[in-house]
């Protein structure tokens, strides 16, 4: 007479329970007394280990209470001794005091720039000049958040405009001219390009 042997089913141990159960066609195991139990799903608990990256608006531009004129590689007080207030349009609070230059300060700035041009800048190759201009662009990019916040505090424009247009465009201008520094002599065939020397520029108040 033939006989069959029972096939053993794999045992499943419930976490924290010494009793075993067998797996059926269902994905959920059944205990010895016939009750279904739901499998324990592990949960990832990070607590406060993951945080959002600081928003650009939280960057501290570290604005000083007062700024002097930058002439000849150093900050100097204006000859008039006068300063004007920079006001935050959003709060109408004082941001900083800025030196007010007069004609004597402008002449000093011109003489310092001409000295630097005659003795150093004009003697450098276009490639070397380009390195300095390129470095200015990179510094603007490195501190873009602080510049954007400072621009918004000082001028009152939305942070989105300062962050996404003003500062990137300011850096882009320096990148552009850095690229031309060693190529300007090839720009116009048959024409020898010569530098004009020191020039003065009026910077718009609402753009870097």
N, C-alpha and C. Protein backbone atom coordinates (compact mmCIF):
# COMPACT_ATOMS: atom_id res chain seq x y z
N UNK A 1 0.86 -1.20 0.00
CA UNK A 1 0.00 0.00 0.00
C UNK A 1 0.89 1.23 0.00
N UNK A 2 0.62 2.14 -0.91
CA UNK A 2 1.44 3.36 -0.99
C UNK A 2 1.02 4.36 0.07
N UNK A 3 1.96 5.23 0.40
CA UNK A 3 1.68 6.29 1.40
C UNK A 3 2.42 7.55 1.00
N UNK A 4 1.95 8.67 1.47
CA UNK A 4 2.58 9.96 1.19
C UNK A 4 3.07 10.57 2.49
N UNK A 5 4.13 11.33 2.36
CA UNK A 5 4.68 12.02 3.52
C UNK A 5 4.30 13.49 3.47
N UNK A 6 3.93 14.08 4.62
CA UNK A 6 3.61 15.52 4.64
C UNK A 6 4.83 16.37 4.31
N UNK A 7 4.62 17.44 3.55
CA UNK A 7 5.71 18.35 3.17
C UNK A 7 5.80 19.46 4.19
N UNK A 8 6.96 19.67 4.75
CA UNK A 8 7.14 20.71 5.77
C UNK A 8 7.12 22.09 5.13
N UNK A 9 6.44 23.02 5.77
CA UNK A 9 6.38 24.41 5.29
C UNK A 9 7.34 25.26 6.10
N UNK A 10 7.93 26.30 5.48
CA UNK A 10 8.92 27.11 6.20
C UNK A 10 8.31 27.82 7.38
N UNK A 11 9.03 27.84 8.46
CA UNK A 11 8.56 28.50 9.68
C UNK A 11 8.92 29.97 9.64
N UNK A 12 8.02 30.82 10.14
CA UNK A 12 8.24 32.27 10.19
C UNK A 12 8.12 32.70 11.64
N UNK A 13 9.12 33.44 12.09
CA UNK A 13 9.11 33.88 13.47
C UNK A 13 8.72 35.34 13.54
N UNK A 14 7.73 35.64 14.30
CA UNK A 14 7.28 37.02 14.49
C UNK A 14 8.23 37.73 15.43
N UNK A 15 8.53 38.99 15.08
CA UNK A 15 9.46 39.76 15.92
C UNK A 15 8.90 39.87 17.33
N UNK A 16 9.72 39.52 18.30
CA UNK A 16 9.31 39.66 19.69
C UNK A 16 8.42 38.53 20.17
N UNK A 17 8.24 37.45 19.38
CA UNK A 17 7.36 36.35 19.76
C UNK A 17 8.08 35.04 19.50
N UNK A 18 8.07 34.16 20.46
CA UNK A 18 8.77 32.89 20.31
C UNK A 18 7.99 31.87 19.52
N UNK A 19 6.73 32.12 19.23
CA UNK A 19 5.92 31.16 18.49
C UNK A 19 6.24 31.21 17.00
N UNK A 20 6.11 30.07 16.37
CA UNK A 20 6.36 29.98 14.94
C UNK A 20 5.05 29.89 14.19
N UNK A 21 5.08 30.22 12.94
CA UNK A 21 3.89 30.14 12.11
C UNK A 21 4.28 29.66 10.74
N UNK A 22 3.35 29.26 9.95
CA UNK A 22 3.63 28.77 8.61
C UNK A 22 3.05 29.70 7.58
N UNK A 23 3.72 29.79 6.42
CA UNK A 23 3.27 30.68 5.34
C UNK A 23 2.31 29.94 4.43
N UNK A 24 1.23 30.62 4.08
CA UNK A 24 0.26 30.07 3.15
C UNK A 24 0.33 30.85 1.85
N UNK A 25 -0.72 30.75 1.06
CA UNK A 25 -0.74 31.49 -0.20
C UNK A 25 -0.79 32.98 0.01
N UNK A 26 -1.25 33.44 1.18
CA UNK A 26 -1.29 34.86 1.47
C UNK A 26 0.09 35.37 1.82
N UNK A 27 0.31 36.66 1.59
CA UNK A 27 1.59 37.26 1.95
C UNK A 27 1.74 37.46 3.44
N UNK A 28 0.61 37.44 4.15
CA UNK A 28 0.65 37.64 5.60
C UNK A 28 0.70 36.28 6.29
N UNK A 29 1.59 36.07 7.26
CA UNK A 29 1.69 34.77 7.94
C UNK A 29 0.49 34.53 8.84
N UNK A 30 0.23 33.24 9.16
CA UNK A 30 -0.86 32.83 10.05
C UNK A 30 -0.25 32.17 11.28
N UNK A 31 -0.72 32.57 12.42
CA UNK A 31 -0.22 32.00 13.67
C UNK A 31 -0.80 30.61 13.87
N UNK A 32 -0.32 29.96 14.92
CA UNK A 32 -0.76 28.61 15.20
C UNK A 32 -2.24 28.54 15.51
N UNK A 33 -2.81 29.58 16.10
CA UNK A 33 -4.22 29.58 16.44
C UNK A 33 -5.10 30.11 15.30
N UNK A 34 -4.53 30.32 14.13
CA UNK A 34 -5.33 30.67 12.97
C UNK A 34 -5.53 32.16 12.74
N UNK A 35 -5.00 33.03 13.59
CA UNK A 35 -5.16 34.47 13.41
C UNK A 35 -4.06 35.02 12.52
N UNK A 36 -4.48 35.91 11.66
CA UNK A 36 -3.49 36.55 10.79
C UNK A 36 -2.74 37.65 11.57
N UNK A 37 -1.48 37.81 11.25
CA UNK A 37 -0.68 38.89 11.83
C UNK A 37 -0.09 39.69 10.68
N UNK A 38 0.03 40.97 10.87
CA UNK A 38 0.59 41.86 9.85
C UNK A 38 2.10 41.97 10.05
N UNK A 39 2.83 41.82 8.97
CA UNK A 39 4.28 41.88 9.06
C UNK A 39 4.74 43.26 9.54
N UNK A 40 5.76 43.30 10.37
CA UNK A 40 6.30 44.55 10.88
C UNK A 40 7.12 45.23 9.80
N UNK A 41 6.75 46.46 9.47
CA UNK A 41 7.47 47.22 8.45
C UNK A 41 8.42 48.19 9.15
N UNK A 42 9.71 48.06 8.89
CA UNK A 42 10.65 48.96 9.57
C UNK A 42 10.44 50.41 9.16
N UNK A 43 10.60 51.32 10.07
CA UNK A 43 10.44 52.75 9.82
C UNK A 43 11.77 53.46 10.01
N UNK A 44 12.03 54.44 9.12
CA UNK A 44 13.24 55.25 9.22
C UNK A 44 12.92 56.53 9.98
N UNK A 45 13.57 56.72 11.08
CA UNK A 45 13.34 57.90 11.90
C UNK A 45 14.64 58.70 11.94
N UNK A 46 14.62 59.89 11.33
CA UNK A 46 15.83 60.69 11.24
C UNK A 46 15.89 61.78 12.31
N UNK A 47 14.76 62.06 12.96
CA UNK A 47 14.78 63.11 13.97
C UNK A 47 15.09 64.45 13.34
N UNK A 48 16.07 65.15 13.89
CA UNK A 48 16.46 66.46 13.38
C UNK A 48 17.78 66.40 12.62
N UNK A 49 18.11 65.21 12.12
CA UNK A 49 19.39 65.06 11.41
C UNK A 49 19.35 65.67 10.02
N UNK A 50 18.15 65.74 9.40
CA UNK A 50 18.02 66.31 8.07
C UNK A 50 17.33 67.65 8.18
N UNK A 51 17.96 68.69 7.63
CA UNK A 51 17.38 70.02 7.67
C UNK A 51 17.44 70.63 6.27
N UNK A 52 16.57 71.59 6.03
CA UNK A 52 16.59 72.30 4.76
C UNK A 52 17.84 73.16 4.67
N UNK A 53 18.33 73.33 3.44
CA UNK A 53 19.46 74.22 3.23
C UNK A 53 19.01 75.66 3.47
N UNK A 54 19.87 76.48 4.06
CA UNK A 54 19.47 77.88 4.33
C UNK A 54 19.04 78.61 3.05
N UNK A 55 17.98 79.38 3.15
CA UNK A 55 17.51 80.15 2.01
C UNK A 55 18.48 81.30 1.73
N UNK A 56 18.55 81.76 0.48
CA UNK A 56 19.45 82.88 0.16
C UNK A 56 19.20 84.11 1.01
N UNK A 57 17.94 84.29 1.42
CA UNK A 57 17.59 85.48 2.20
C UNK A 57 18.22 85.47 3.59
N UNK A 58 18.72 84.31 4.04
CA UNK A 58 19.30 84.23 5.38
C UNK A 58 20.79 84.55 5.38
N UNK A 59 21.40 84.73 4.21
CA UNK A 59 22.82 85.03 4.15
C UNK A 59 23.09 86.40 4.76
N UNK A 60 24.08 86.47 5.62
CA UNK A 60 24.41 87.73 6.30
C UNK A 60 25.46 88.48 5.47
N UNK A 61 25.11 89.62 4.89
CA UNK A 61 26.08 90.36 4.08
C UNK A 61 27.15 91.08 4.91
N UNK A 62 26.96 91.09 6.24
CA UNK A 62 27.95 91.71 7.14
C UNK A 62 28.24 93.17 6.73
N UNK A 63 27.19 93.94 6.63
CA UNK A 63 27.31 95.35 6.25
C UNK A 63 27.90 96.15 7.41
N UNK A 64 28.93 96.92 7.13
CA UNK A 64 29.57 97.73 8.17
C UNK A 64 28.76 99.01 8.44
N UNK A 65 28.91 99.58 9.61
CA UNK A 65 28.17 100.81 9.93
C UNK A 65 28.57 101.99 9.05
N UNK A 66 29.81 101.95 8.52
CA UNK A 66 30.28 103.09 7.72
C UNK A 66 31.32 102.62 6.71
N UNK A 67 31.30 103.26 5.52
CA UNK A 67 32.25 102.93 4.47
C UNK A 67 32.95 104.19 3.98
N UNK A 68 34.30 104.08 3.82
CA UNK A 68 35.08 105.18 3.28
C UNK A 68 35.30 104.98 1.78
N UNK A 69 36.08 105.85 1.18
CA UNK A 69 36.40 105.76 -0.25
C UNK A 69 37.58 104.80 -0.45
N UNK A 70 37.52 104.03 -1.53
CA UNK A 70 38.61 103.10 -1.84
C UNK A 70 39.49 103.73 -2.92
N UNK A 71 40.65 104.23 -2.51
CA UNK A 71 41.56 104.92 -3.42
C UNK A 71 42.97 104.42 -3.18
N UNK A 72 43.66 104.08 -4.25
CA UNK A 72 45.04 103.66 -4.14
C UNK A 72 45.23 102.37 -3.35
N UNK A 73 44.26 101.48 -3.40
CA UNK A 73 44.40 100.20 -2.73
C UNK A 73 44.07 100.19 -1.25
N UNK A 74 43.46 101.28 -0.76
CA UNK A 74 43.09 101.32 0.65
C UNK A 74 41.89 102.24 0.84
N UNK A 75 41.21 102.07 1.98
CA UNK A 75 40.06 102.91 2.30
C UNK A 75 40.52 104.19 2.98
N UNK A 76 40.04 105.31 2.46
CA UNK A 76 40.41 106.62 3.00
C UNK A 76 39.15 107.44 3.25
N UNK A 77 39.21 108.31 4.23
CA UNK A 77 38.07 109.18 4.55
C UNK A 77 37.92 110.25 3.48
N UNK A 78 36.72 110.70 3.19
CA UNK A 78 36.51 111.76 2.19
C UNK A 78 37.10 113.08 2.69
N UNK A 79 37.64 113.84 1.78
CA UNK A 79 38.25 115.11 2.15
C UNK A 79 37.24 116.09 2.74
N UNK A 80 35.99 115.95 2.31
CA UNK A 80 34.95 116.84 2.84
C UNK A 80 34.51 116.44 4.25
N UNK A 81 34.82 115.19 4.61
CA UNK A 81 34.38 114.69 5.91
C UNK A 81 32.90 114.37 5.97
N UNK A 82 32.24 114.40 4.81
CA UNK A 82 30.79 114.19 4.76
C UNK A 82 30.44 112.74 4.40
N UNK A 83 29.33 112.28 4.95
CA UNK A 83 28.80 110.95 4.66
C UNK A 83 27.29 111.07 4.43
N UNK A 84 26.73 110.18 3.65
CA UNK A 84 25.29 110.16 3.47
C UNK A 84 24.74 108.81 3.94
N UNK A 85 23.48 108.82 4.30
CA UNK A 85 22.85 107.61 4.85
C UNK A 85 22.28 106.73 3.76
N UNK A 86 22.50 105.43 3.91
CA UNK A 86 21.83 104.44 3.06
C UNK A 86 20.69 103.86 3.88
N UNK A 87 19.46 104.01 3.37
CA UNK A 87 18.26 103.61 4.11
C UNK A 87 17.64 102.37 3.48
N UNK A 88 17.25 101.43 4.30
CA UNK A 88 16.54 100.25 3.82
C UNK A 88 15.10 100.66 3.49
N UNK A 89 14.69 100.63 2.21
CA UNK A 89 13.34 101.07 1.84
C UNK A 89 12.23 100.26 2.51
N UNK A 90 12.50 99.01 2.84
CA UNK A 90 11.47 98.15 3.43
C UNK A 90 11.18 98.51 4.88
N UNK A 91 12.23 98.90 5.61
CA UNK A 91 12.06 99.19 7.04
C UNK A 91 12.27 100.65 7.37
N UNK A 92 12.83 101.41 6.41
CA UNK A 92 13.17 102.82 6.61
C UNK A 92 14.18 103.00 7.74
N UNK A 93 14.99 101.96 7.96
CA UNK A 93 16.04 102.02 8.97
C UNK A 93 17.40 102.25 8.31
N UNK A 94 18.32 102.82 9.07
CA UNK A 94 19.65 103.10 8.57
C UNK A 94 20.41 101.79 8.31
N UNK A 95 20.96 101.66 7.12
CA UNK A 95 21.76 100.49 6.78
C UNK A 95 23.23 100.76 7.04
N UNK A 96 23.72 101.89 6.51
CA UNK A 96 25.13 102.25 6.67
C UNK A 96 25.31 103.71 6.26
N UNK A 97 26.48 104.25 6.60
CA UNK A 97 26.83 105.61 6.18
C UNK A 97 27.93 105.50 5.14
N UNK A 98 27.73 106.18 4.00
CA UNK A 98 28.63 106.07 2.85
C UNK A 98 29.36 107.40 2.64
N UNK A 99 30.67 107.30 2.38
CA UNK A 99 31.47 108.50 2.15
C UNK A 99 30.98 109.27 0.93
N UNK A 100 30.92 110.59 1.07
CA UNK A 100 30.49 111.47 -0.02
C UNK A 100 31.73 112.12 -0.63
N UNK A 101 32.11 111.70 -1.82
CA UNK A 101 33.31 112.20 -2.47
C UNK A 101 33.05 113.55 -3.13
N UNK A 102 34.10 114.37 -3.17
CA UNK A 102 34.02 115.64 -3.91
C UNK A 102 35.07 115.63 -5.02
N UNK A 103 35.27 116.76 -5.67
CA UNK A 103 36.16 116.82 -6.82
C UNK A 103 37.60 116.46 -6.45
N UNK A 104 38.03 116.81 -5.23
CA UNK A 104 39.39 116.48 -4.80
C UNK A 104 39.56 114.97 -4.64
N UNK A 105 38.54 114.30 -4.13
CA UNK A 105 38.62 112.85 -4.00
C UNK A 105 38.66 112.17 -5.36
N UNK A 106 37.89 112.70 -6.30
CA UNK A 106 37.89 112.14 -7.66
C UNK A 106 39.25 112.31 -8.30
N UNK A 107 39.87 113.47 -8.12
CA UNK A 107 41.21 113.69 -8.67
C UNK A 107 42.23 112.73 -8.05
N UNK A 108 42.11 112.49 -6.74
CA UNK A 108 43.03 111.55 -6.08
C UNK A 108 42.85 110.14 -6.63
N UNK A 109 41.58 109.77 -6.87
CA UNK A 109 41.31 108.44 -7.41
C UNK A 109 41.88 108.32 -8.82
N UNK A 110 41.78 109.38 -9.61
CA UNK A 110 42.33 109.36 -10.96
C UNK A 110 43.84 109.22 -10.93
N UNK A 111 44.50 109.98 -10.08
CA UNK A 111 45.96 109.93 -10.01
C UNK A 111 46.44 108.55 -9.56
N UNK A 112 45.73 107.95 -8.61
CA UNK A 112 46.12 106.62 -8.14
C UNK A 112 45.93 105.58 -9.25
N UNK A 113 44.82 105.70 -9.99
CA UNK A 113 44.57 104.76 -11.08
C UNK A 113 45.57 104.93 -12.22
N UNK A 114 45.93 106.18 -12.52
CA UNK A 114 46.90 106.43 -13.60
C UNK A 114 48.28 105.89 -13.23
N UNK A 115 48.63 106.03 -11.96
CA UNK A 115 49.91 105.50 -11.50
C UNK A 115 49.95 103.98 -11.63
N UNK A 116 48.85 103.34 -11.25
CA UNK A 116 48.78 101.88 -11.37
C UNK A 116 48.80 101.45 -12.83
N UNK A 117 48.16 102.24 -13.68
CA UNK A 117 48.13 101.90 -15.10
C UNK A 117 49.51 102.05 -15.73
N UNK A 118 50.17 103.17 -15.47
CA UNK A 118 51.47 103.44 -16.08
C UNK A 118 52.55 102.47 -15.61
N UNK A 119 52.53 102.12 -14.34
CA UNK A 119 53.61 101.32 -13.75
C UNK A 119 53.36 99.81 -13.78
N UNK A 120 52.08 99.41 -13.82
CA UNK A 120 51.80 97.97 -13.69
C UNK A 120 50.87 97.47 -14.80
N UNK A 121 49.65 97.99 -14.86
CA UNK A 121 48.61 97.42 -15.71
C UNK A 121 48.98 97.45 -17.18
N UNK A 122 49.51 98.58 -17.67
CA UNK A 122 49.83 98.69 -19.10
C UNK A 122 51.00 97.82 -19.50
N UNK A 123 51.80 97.39 -18.56
CA UNK A 123 52.98 96.56 -18.86
C UNK A 123 52.64 95.06 -18.85
N UNK A 124 51.44 94.71 -18.41
CA UNK A 124 51.03 93.32 -18.35
C UNK A 124 50.49 92.86 -19.69
N UNK A 125 50.65 91.59 -19.99
CA UNK A 125 50.08 91.03 -21.21
C UNK A 125 48.57 90.90 -21.05
N UNK A 126 47.87 90.79 -22.17
CA UNK A 126 46.42 90.62 -22.11
C UNK A 126 46.03 89.38 -21.33
N UNK A 127 46.82 88.35 -21.46
CA UNK A 127 46.52 87.10 -20.74
C UNK A 127 46.59 87.31 -19.23
N UNK A 128 47.59 88.05 -18.77
CA UNK A 128 47.73 88.30 -17.33
C UNK A 128 46.62 89.23 -16.83
N UNK A 129 46.27 90.24 -17.61
CA UNK A 129 45.18 91.12 -17.20
C UNK A 129 43.87 90.33 -17.09
N UNK A 130 43.67 89.41 -18.04
CA UNK A 130 42.47 88.60 -18.01
C UNK A 130 42.34 87.78 -16.74
N UNK A 131 43.46 87.34 -16.18
CA UNK A 131 43.43 86.56 -14.95
C UNK A 131 42.86 87.37 -13.80
N UNK A 132 43.26 88.64 -13.71
CA UNK A 132 42.76 89.49 -12.63
C UNK A 132 41.26 89.77 -12.79
N UNK A 133 40.85 90.05 -14.04
CA UNK A 133 39.44 90.33 -14.28
C UNK A 133 38.60 89.08 -14.01
N UNK A 134 39.12 87.94 -14.42
CA UNK A 134 38.42 86.68 -14.19
C UNK A 134 38.28 86.42 -12.69
N UNK A 135 39.31 86.76 -11.93
CA UNK A 135 39.26 86.55 -10.48
C UNK A 135 38.16 87.40 -9.82
N UNK A 136 37.98 88.61 -10.33
CA UNK A 136 36.90 89.46 -9.80
C UNK A 136 35.55 88.79 -10.04
N UNK A 137 35.36 88.24 -11.23
CA UNK A 137 34.11 87.55 -11.55
C UNK A 137 33.88 86.37 -10.62
N UNK A 138 34.92 85.61 -10.35
CA UNK A 138 34.79 84.44 -9.48
C UNK A 138 34.48 84.86 -8.04
N UNK A 139 35.06 85.95 -7.58
CA UNK A 139 34.76 86.43 -6.23
C UNK A 139 33.31 86.87 -6.12
N UNK A 140 32.79 87.48 -7.16
CA UNK A 140 31.37 87.85 -7.17
C UNK A 140 30.49 86.60 -7.07
N UNK A 141 30.86 85.57 -7.79
CA UNK A 141 30.09 84.32 -7.74
C UNK A 141 30.19 83.67 -6.36
N UNK A 142 31.39 83.67 -5.78
CA UNK A 142 31.59 83.03 -4.48
C UNK A 142 30.74 83.67 -3.39
N UNK A 143 30.55 84.98 -3.47
CA UNK A 143 29.79 85.70 -2.45
C UNK A 143 28.46 86.20 -2.98
N UNK A 144 27.92 85.49 -3.95
CA UNK A 144 26.70 85.94 -4.63
C UNK A 144 25.53 86.11 -3.66
N UNK A 145 25.39 85.21 -2.70
CA UNK A 145 24.27 85.31 -1.76
C UNK A 145 24.35 86.59 -0.94
N UNK A 146 25.54 86.86 -0.41
CA UNK A 146 25.69 88.07 0.40
C UNK A 146 25.46 89.33 -0.43
N UNK A 147 26.00 89.34 -1.65
CA UNK A 147 25.80 90.50 -2.52
C UNK A 147 24.32 90.71 -2.84
N UNK A 148 23.61 89.62 -3.10
CA UNK A 148 22.19 89.72 -3.44
C UNK A 148 21.39 90.29 -2.28
N UNK A 149 21.66 89.82 -1.08
CA UNK A 149 20.95 90.32 0.10
C UNK A 149 21.29 91.79 0.33
N UNK A 150 22.57 92.15 0.21
CA UNK A 150 22.98 93.54 0.41
C UNK A 150 22.33 94.46 -0.63
N UNK A 151 22.23 93.99 -1.86
CA UNK A 151 21.62 94.79 -2.93
C UNK A 151 20.14 95.03 -2.66
N UNK A 152 19.46 94.00 -2.17
CA UNK A 152 18.04 94.15 -1.86
C UNK A 152 17.83 95.06 -0.66
N UNK A 153 18.66 94.91 0.36
CA UNK A 153 18.55 95.78 1.54
C UNK A 153 18.80 97.23 1.18
N UNK A 154 19.79 97.46 0.33
CA UNK A 154 20.17 98.82 -0.02
C UNK A 154 19.22 99.46 -1.02
N UNK A 155 18.80 98.68 -2.04
CA UNK A 155 18.00 99.26 -3.11
C UNK A 155 16.51 99.00 -3.02
N UNK A 156 16.11 97.96 -2.26
CA UNK A 156 14.70 97.68 -2.08
C UNK A 156 14.08 96.79 -3.12
N UNK A 157 14.84 96.31 -4.11
CA UNK A 157 14.24 95.45 -5.13
C UNK A 157 14.04 94.04 -4.58
N UNK A 158 13.15 93.25 -5.19
CA UNK A 158 12.91 91.88 -4.71
C UNK A 158 14.17 91.04 -4.73
N UNK A 159 14.29 90.14 -3.76
CA UNK A 159 15.49 89.31 -3.67
C UNK A 159 15.64 88.44 -4.92
N UNK A 160 14.53 88.04 -5.52
CA UNK A 160 14.60 87.21 -6.73
C UNK A 160 15.34 87.95 -7.84
N UNK A 161 15.10 89.24 -7.99
CA UNK A 161 15.75 90.01 -9.04
C UNK A 161 17.23 90.21 -8.74
N UNK A 162 17.54 90.50 -7.49
CA UNK A 162 18.95 90.67 -7.11
C UNK A 162 19.71 89.36 -7.26
N UNK A 163 19.08 88.27 -6.80
CA UNK A 163 19.75 86.96 -6.78
C UNK A 163 19.88 86.34 -8.16
N UNK A 164 18.82 86.46 -8.98
CA UNK A 164 18.78 85.75 -10.26
C UNK A 164 19.22 86.58 -11.46
N UNK A 165 19.33 87.91 -11.29
CA UNK A 165 19.71 88.73 -12.44
C UNK A 165 20.87 89.67 -12.13
N UNK A 166 20.70 90.54 -11.14
CA UNK A 166 21.71 91.59 -10.91
C UNK A 166 23.11 91.02 -10.67
N UNK A 167 23.24 90.16 -9.67
CA UNK A 167 24.57 89.65 -9.32
C UNK A 167 25.13 88.73 -10.40
N UNK A 168 24.34 87.79 -10.95
CA UNK A 168 24.88 86.97 -12.04
C UNK A 168 25.31 87.80 -13.25
N UNK A 169 24.57 88.86 -13.57
CA UNK A 169 24.94 89.69 -14.70
C UNK A 169 26.20 90.49 -14.42
N UNK A 170 26.36 90.94 -13.17
CA UNK A 170 27.57 91.67 -12.81
C UNK A 170 28.80 90.77 -13.01
N UNK A 171 28.69 89.52 -12.56
CA UNK A 171 29.79 88.57 -12.75
C UNK A 171 30.00 88.27 -14.23
N UNK A 172 28.89 88.17 -14.98
CA UNK A 172 28.99 87.86 -16.41
C UNK A 172 29.74 88.95 -17.17
N UNK A 173 29.57 90.20 -16.77
CA UNK A 173 30.29 91.29 -17.42
C UNK A 173 31.80 91.11 -17.25
N UNK A 174 32.22 90.77 -16.05
CA UNK A 174 33.66 90.58 -15.82
C UNK A 174 34.19 89.35 -16.56
N UNK A 175 33.39 88.28 -16.60
CA UNK A 175 33.79 87.10 -17.37
C UNK A 175 33.97 87.45 -18.84
N UNK A 176 33.06 88.26 -19.36
CA UNK A 176 33.10 88.65 -20.77
C UNK A 176 34.39 89.41 -21.09
N UNK A 177 34.68 90.42 -20.29
CA UNK A 177 35.87 91.23 -20.57
C UNK A 177 37.16 90.47 -20.27
N UNK A 178 37.11 89.54 -19.31
CA UNK A 178 38.28 88.70 -19.06
C UNK A 178 38.61 87.85 -20.29
N UNK A 179 37.57 87.38 -20.95
CA UNK A 179 37.78 86.58 -22.16
C UNK A 179 38.34 87.39 -23.32
N UNK A 180 38.00 88.68 -23.37
CA UNK A 180 38.49 89.53 -24.46
C UNK A 180 39.90 90.05 -24.22
N UNK A 181 40.39 89.98 -23.01
CA UNK A 181 41.66 90.64 -22.66
C UNK A 181 42.82 90.23 -23.56
N UNK A 182 42.90 88.96 -23.93
CA UNK A 182 44.02 88.52 -24.77
C UNK A 182 43.61 88.32 -26.23
N UNK A 183 42.43 88.82 -26.61
CA UNK A 183 41.95 88.64 -27.98
C UNK A 183 41.62 89.96 -28.68
N UNK A 184 41.63 91.07 -27.94
CA UNK A 184 41.19 92.34 -28.49
C UNK A 184 42.05 92.77 -29.68
N UNK A 185 43.34 92.39 -29.68
CA UNK A 185 44.22 92.81 -30.77
C UNK A 185 43.89 92.08 -32.07
N UNK A 186 43.11 91.00 -31.98
CA UNK A 186 42.72 90.27 -33.19
C UNK A 186 41.28 90.58 -33.61
N UNK A 187 40.63 91.49 -32.89
CA UNK A 187 39.21 91.76 -33.15
C UNK A 187 38.98 92.40 -34.50
N UNK A 188 39.83 93.36 -34.87
CA UNK A 188 39.64 94.10 -36.13
C UNK A 188 40.89 93.91 -36.99
N UNK A 189 40.81 93.13 -38.05
CA UNK A 189 41.98 92.90 -38.91
C UNK A 189 42.55 94.20 -39.48
N UNK A 190 43.84 94.34 -39.41
CA UNK A 190 44.51 95.50 -39.99
C UNK A 190 44.50 96.73 -39.11
N UNK A 191 43.91 96.63 -37.92
CA UNK A 191 43.82 97.78 -37.01
C UNK A 191 44.57 97.46 -35.72
N UNK A 192 45.44 98.36 -35.32
CA UNK A 192 46.16 98.19 -34.07
C UNK A 192 45.36 98.83 -32.94
N UNK A 193 44.94 98.03 -32.02
CA UNK A 193 44.12 98.51 -30.92
C UNK A 193 45.02 98.97 -29.78
N UNK A 194 44.78 100.18 -29.31
CA UNK A 194 45.57 100.73 -28.21
C UNK A 194 44.65 101.15 -27.06
N UNK A 195 45.11 100.99 -25.84
CA UNK A 195 44.28 101.38 -24.69
C UNK A 195 44.16 102.89 -24.59
N UNK A 196 43.03 103.35 -24.08
CA UNK A 196 42.81 104.78 -23.89
C UNK A 196 43.42 105.29 -22.59
N UNK A 197 43.64 104.39 -21.66
CA UNK A 197 44.16 104.82 -20.36
C UNK A 197 43.05 104.83 -19.31
N UNK A 198 43.20 105.67 -18.33
CA UNK A 198 42.23 105.72 -17.22
C UNK A 198 40.99 106.49 -17.66
N UNK A 199 39.82 105.93 -17.37
CA UNK A 199 38.56 106.60 -17.67
C UNK A 199 37.69 106.59 -16.42
N UNK A 200 36.78 107.54 -16.35
CA UNK A 200 35.84 107.58 -15.24
C UNK A 200 34.49 107.03 -15.66
N UNK A 201 33.81 106.37 -14.76
CA UNK A 201 32.52 105.76 -15.08
C UNK A 201 31.51 106.10 -13.99
N UNK A 202 30.33 106.53 -14.42
CA UNK A 202 29.23 106.80 -13.49
C UNK A 202 28.42 105.51 -13.39
N UNK A 203 28.39 104.93 -12.20
CA UNK A 203 27.69 103.66 -11.99
C UNK A 203 26.24 103.92 -11.62
N UNK A 204 25.29 103.30 -12.33
CA UNK A 204 23.88 103.46 -11.95
C UNK A 204 23.65 102.99 -10.52
N UNK A 205 22.83 103.71 -9.81
CA UNK A 205 22.61 103.40 -8.39
C UNK A 205 21.82 102.12 -8.22
N UNK A 206 21.00 101.75 -9.22
CA UNK A 206 20.12 100.60 -9.04
C UNK A 206 20.65 99.33 -9.67
N UNK A 207 21.92 99.29 -9.99
CA UNK A 207 22.50 98.09 -10.58
C UNK A 207 23.97 97.98 -10.18
N UNK A 208 24.42 96.77 -9.83
CA UNK A 208 25.83 96.63 -9.40
C UNK A 208 26.81 97.03 -10.48
